[in-house]
Amino acid sequence: MESQRIEAVIAHIQELTPLYYQNCPEKGTEQLQALIQELSGLEALIPREQQSRYIGILKNLMEAIEQRDFVMLADILTFDMLEFLQEDEG
C-alpha cells in the first residue's frame, strides 16, 4: 500500500481517538467524516486477501457510529484499524 497515505491516516486516527476517549465527540465529528473518506479511499490499495478483514473493521466502525458509542468507535480505530494499517505498512 501507499505508505504516505497510510501514515497520514494513522496520524489522523491518533489525533481523533483521544477526543472520543475524553468524551468530546462533538469536537471529533468533522474529523471523523474526513477520516471515513480517507479510509474508504484506501480500500483500493488493500491486497485482495485482506479486503474482507478491512471491510469488517469498517462495518464495525459504522455500527459504533450508528449506535453513538464513541468509546467503542475509538477502540475499533485504535485496536483494530490502527493495528491493521500498521501490519500492512510494516
C-alpha atoms as a PDB file:
ATOM      1  CA  MET A   1       0.000   0.000   0.000  1.00  0.00           C
ATOM      2  CA  GLU A   2       0.990   3.599  -0.446  1.00  0.00           C
ATOM      3  CA  SER A   3       2.910   4.323   2.752  1.00  0.00           C
ATOM      4  CA  GLN A   4       2.407   8.114   2.778  1.00  0.00           C
ATOM      5  CA  ARG A   5      -1.373   7.770   2.604  1.00  0.00           C
ATOM      6  CA  ILE A   6      -1.336   5.120   5.297  1.00  0.00           C
ATOM      7  CA  GLU A   7       0.889   7.239   7.545  1.00  0.00           C
ATOM      8  CA  ALA A   8      -1.497  10.179   7.113  1.00  0.00           C
ATOM      9  CA  VAL A   9      -4.492   8.028   8.054  1.00  0.00           C
ATOM     10  CA  ILE A  10      -2.624   6.605  11.070  1.00  0.00           C
ATOM     11  CA  ALA A  11      -1.794  10.132  12.238  1.00  0.00           C
ATOM     12  CA  HIS A  12      -5.417  11.169  11.736  1.00  0.00           C
ATOM     13  CA  ILE A  13      -6.650   8.228  13.832  1.00  0.00           C
ATOM     14  CA  GLN A  14      -4.130   9.019  16.576  1.00  0.00           C
ATOM     15  CA  GLU A  15      -5.311  12.634  16.604  1.00  0.00           C
ATOM     16  CA  LEU A  16      -9.011  11.765  16.607  1.00  0.00           C
ATOM     17  CA  THR A  17      -9.334   8.935  19.123  1.00  0.00           C
ATOM     18  CA  PRO A  18      -8.367  10.937  22.242  1.00  0.00           C
ATOM     19  CA  LEU A  19     -11.375  13.201  21.609  1.00  0.00           C
ATOM     20  CA  TYR A  20     -13.678  10.215  21.951  1.00  0.00           C
ATOM     21  CA  TYR A  21     -11.885   8.792  24.976  1.00  0.00           C
ATOM     22  CA  GLN A  22     -12.174  12.229  26.623  1.00  0.00           C
ATOM     23  CA  ASN A  23     -15.920  12.243  25.894  1.00  0.00           C
ATOM     24  CA  CYS A  24     -15.754  15.126  23.410  1.00  0.00           C
ATOM     25  CA  PRO A  25     -17.468  13.556  20.375  1.00  0.00           C
ATOM     26  CA  GLU A  26     -18.731  16.883  19.050  1.00  0.00           C
ATOM     27  CA  LYS A  27     -15.120  18.012  18.524  1.00  0.00           C
ATOM     28  CA  GLY A  28     -14.369  14.864  16.560  1.00  0.00           C
ATOM     29  CA  THR A  29     -17.378  14.848  14.245  1.00  0.00           C
ATOM     30  CA  GLU A  30     -15.833  16.861  11.413  1.00  0.00           C
ATOM     31  CA  GLN A  31     -12.581  14.958  11.662  1.00  0.00           C
ATOM     32  CA  LEU A  32     -14.458  11.664  11.691  1.00  0.00           C
ATOM     33  CA  GLN A  33     -16.185  12.467   8.399  1.00  0.00           C
ATOM     34  CA  ALA A  34     -12.829  13.203   6.784  1.00  0.00           C
ATOM     35  CA  LEU A  35     -11.313  10.040   8.277  1.00  0.00           C
ATOM     36  CA  ILE A  36     -14.133   7.866   6.926  1.00  0.00           C
ATOM     37  CA  GLN A  37     -13.495   9.296   3.456  1.00  0.00           C
ATOM     38  CA  GLU A  38      -9.773   8.601   3.807  1.00  0.00           C
ATOM     39  CA  LEU A  39     -10.441   5.040   4.949  1.00  0.00           C
ATOM     40  CA  SER A  40     -12.842   4.473   2.058  1.00  0.00           C
ATOM     41  CA  GLY A  41     -10.172   5.709  -0.338  1.00  0.00           C
ATOM     42  CA  LEU A  42      -7.676   3.177   1.000  1.00  0.00           C
ATOM     43  CA  GLU A  43      -9.845   0.203   0.099  1.00  0.00           C
ATOM     44  CA  ALA A  44      -8.465   0.042  -3.441  1.00  0.00           C
ATOM     45  CA  LEU A  45      -4.934  -0.210  -2.047  1.00  0.00           C
ATOM     46  CA  ILE A  46      -5.702  -3.145   0.259  1.00  0.00           C
ATOM     47  CA  PRO A  47      -4.493  -6.514  -1.057  1.00  0.00           C
ATOM     48  CA  ARG A  48      -7.394  -8.719  -2.106  1.00  0.00           C
ATOM     49  CA  GLU A  49      -6.682 -11.354   0.546  1.00  0.00           C
ATOM     50  CA  GLN A  50      -7.021  -8.713   3.304  1.00  0.00           C
ATOM     51  CA  GLN A  51     -10.074  -6.859   1.988  1.00  0.00           C
ATOM     52  CA  SER A  52     -12.677  -8.869   3.904  1.00  0.00           C
ATOM     53  CA  ARG A  53     -10.928  -8.088   7.200  1.00  0.00           C
ATOM     54  CA  TYR A  54     -10.690  -4.400   6.273  1.00  0.00           C
ATOM     55  CA  ILE A  55     -14.360  -4.242   5.277  1.00  0.00           C
ATOM     56  CA  GLY A  56     -15.289  -5.972   8.537  1.00  0.00           C
ATOM     57  CA  ILE A  57     -13.466  -3.280  10.510  1.00  0.00           C
ATOM     58  CA  LEU A  58     -15.236  -0.548   8.505  1.00  0.00           C
ATOM     59  CA  LYS A  59     -18.591  -2.231   9.200  1.00  0.00           C
ATOM     60  CA  ASN A  60     -17.846  -2.272  12.924  1.00  0.00           C
ATOM     61  CA  LEU A  61     -16.937   1.420  12.751  1.00  0.00           C
ATOM     62  CA  MET A  62     -20.236   2.251  11.092  1.00  0.00           C
ATOM     63  CA  GLU A  63     -22.182   0.267  13.687  1.00  0.00           C
ATOM     64  CA  ALA A  64     -20.439   2.147  16.513  1.00  0.00           C
ATOM     65  CA  ILE A  65     -21.253   5.457  14.798  1.00  0.00           C
ATOM     66  CA  GLU A  66     -24.903   4.473  14.325  1.00  0.00           C
ATOM     67  CA  GLN A  67     -25.143   3.484  17.997  1.00  0.00           C
ATOM     68  CA  ARG A  68     -23.349   6.683  19.005  1.00  0.00           C
ATOM     69  CA  ASP A  69     -20.955   4.543  21.042  1.00  0.00           C
ATOM     70  CA  PHE A  70     -17.915   6.766  20.778  1.00  0.00           C
ATOM     71  CA  VAL A  71     -15.725   4.806  23.177  1.00  0.00           C
ATOM     72  CA  MET A  72     -16.326   1.693  21.081  1.00  0.00           C
ATOM     73  CA  LEU A  73     -15.564   3.756  17.986  1.00  0.00           C
ATOM     74  CA  ALA A  74     -12.247   4.851  19.483  1.00  0.00           C
ATOM     75  CA  ASP A  75     -11.474   1.263  20.500  1.00  0.00           C
ATOM     76  CA  ILE A  76     -12.138  -0.024  16.977  1.00  0.00           C
ATOM     77  CA  LEU A  77      -9.969   2.711  15.480  1.00  0.00           C
ATOM     78  CA  THR A  78      -7.175   2.101  17.982  1.00  0.00           C
ATOM     79  CA  PHE A  79      -7.136  -1.658  18.357  1.00  0.00           C
ATOM     80  CA  ASP A  80      -8.474  -2.845  15.004  1.00  0.00           C
ATOM     81  CA  MET A  81      -7.863  -0.247  12.306  1.00  0.00           C
ATOM     82  CA  LEU A  82      -4.501   1.046  13.547  1.00  0.00           C
ATOM     83  CA  GLU A  83      -3.270  -2.499  14.049  1.00  0.00           C
ATOM     84  CA  PHE A  84      -4.430  -3.471  10.563  1.00  0.00           C
ATOM     85  CA  LEU A  85      -2.813  -0.450   8.898  1.00  0.00           C
ATOM     86  CA  GLN A  86       0.433  -0.811  10.835  1.00  0.00           C
ATOM     87  CA  GLU A  87       0.658  -4.535   9.985  1.00  0.00           C
ATOM     88  CA  ASP A  88       0.225  -3.791   6.322  1.00  0.00           C
ATOM     89  CA  GLU A  89       2.653  -0.886   6.432  1.00  0.00           C
ATOM     90  CA  GLY A  90       5.395  -2.843   8.159  1.00  0.00           C
END
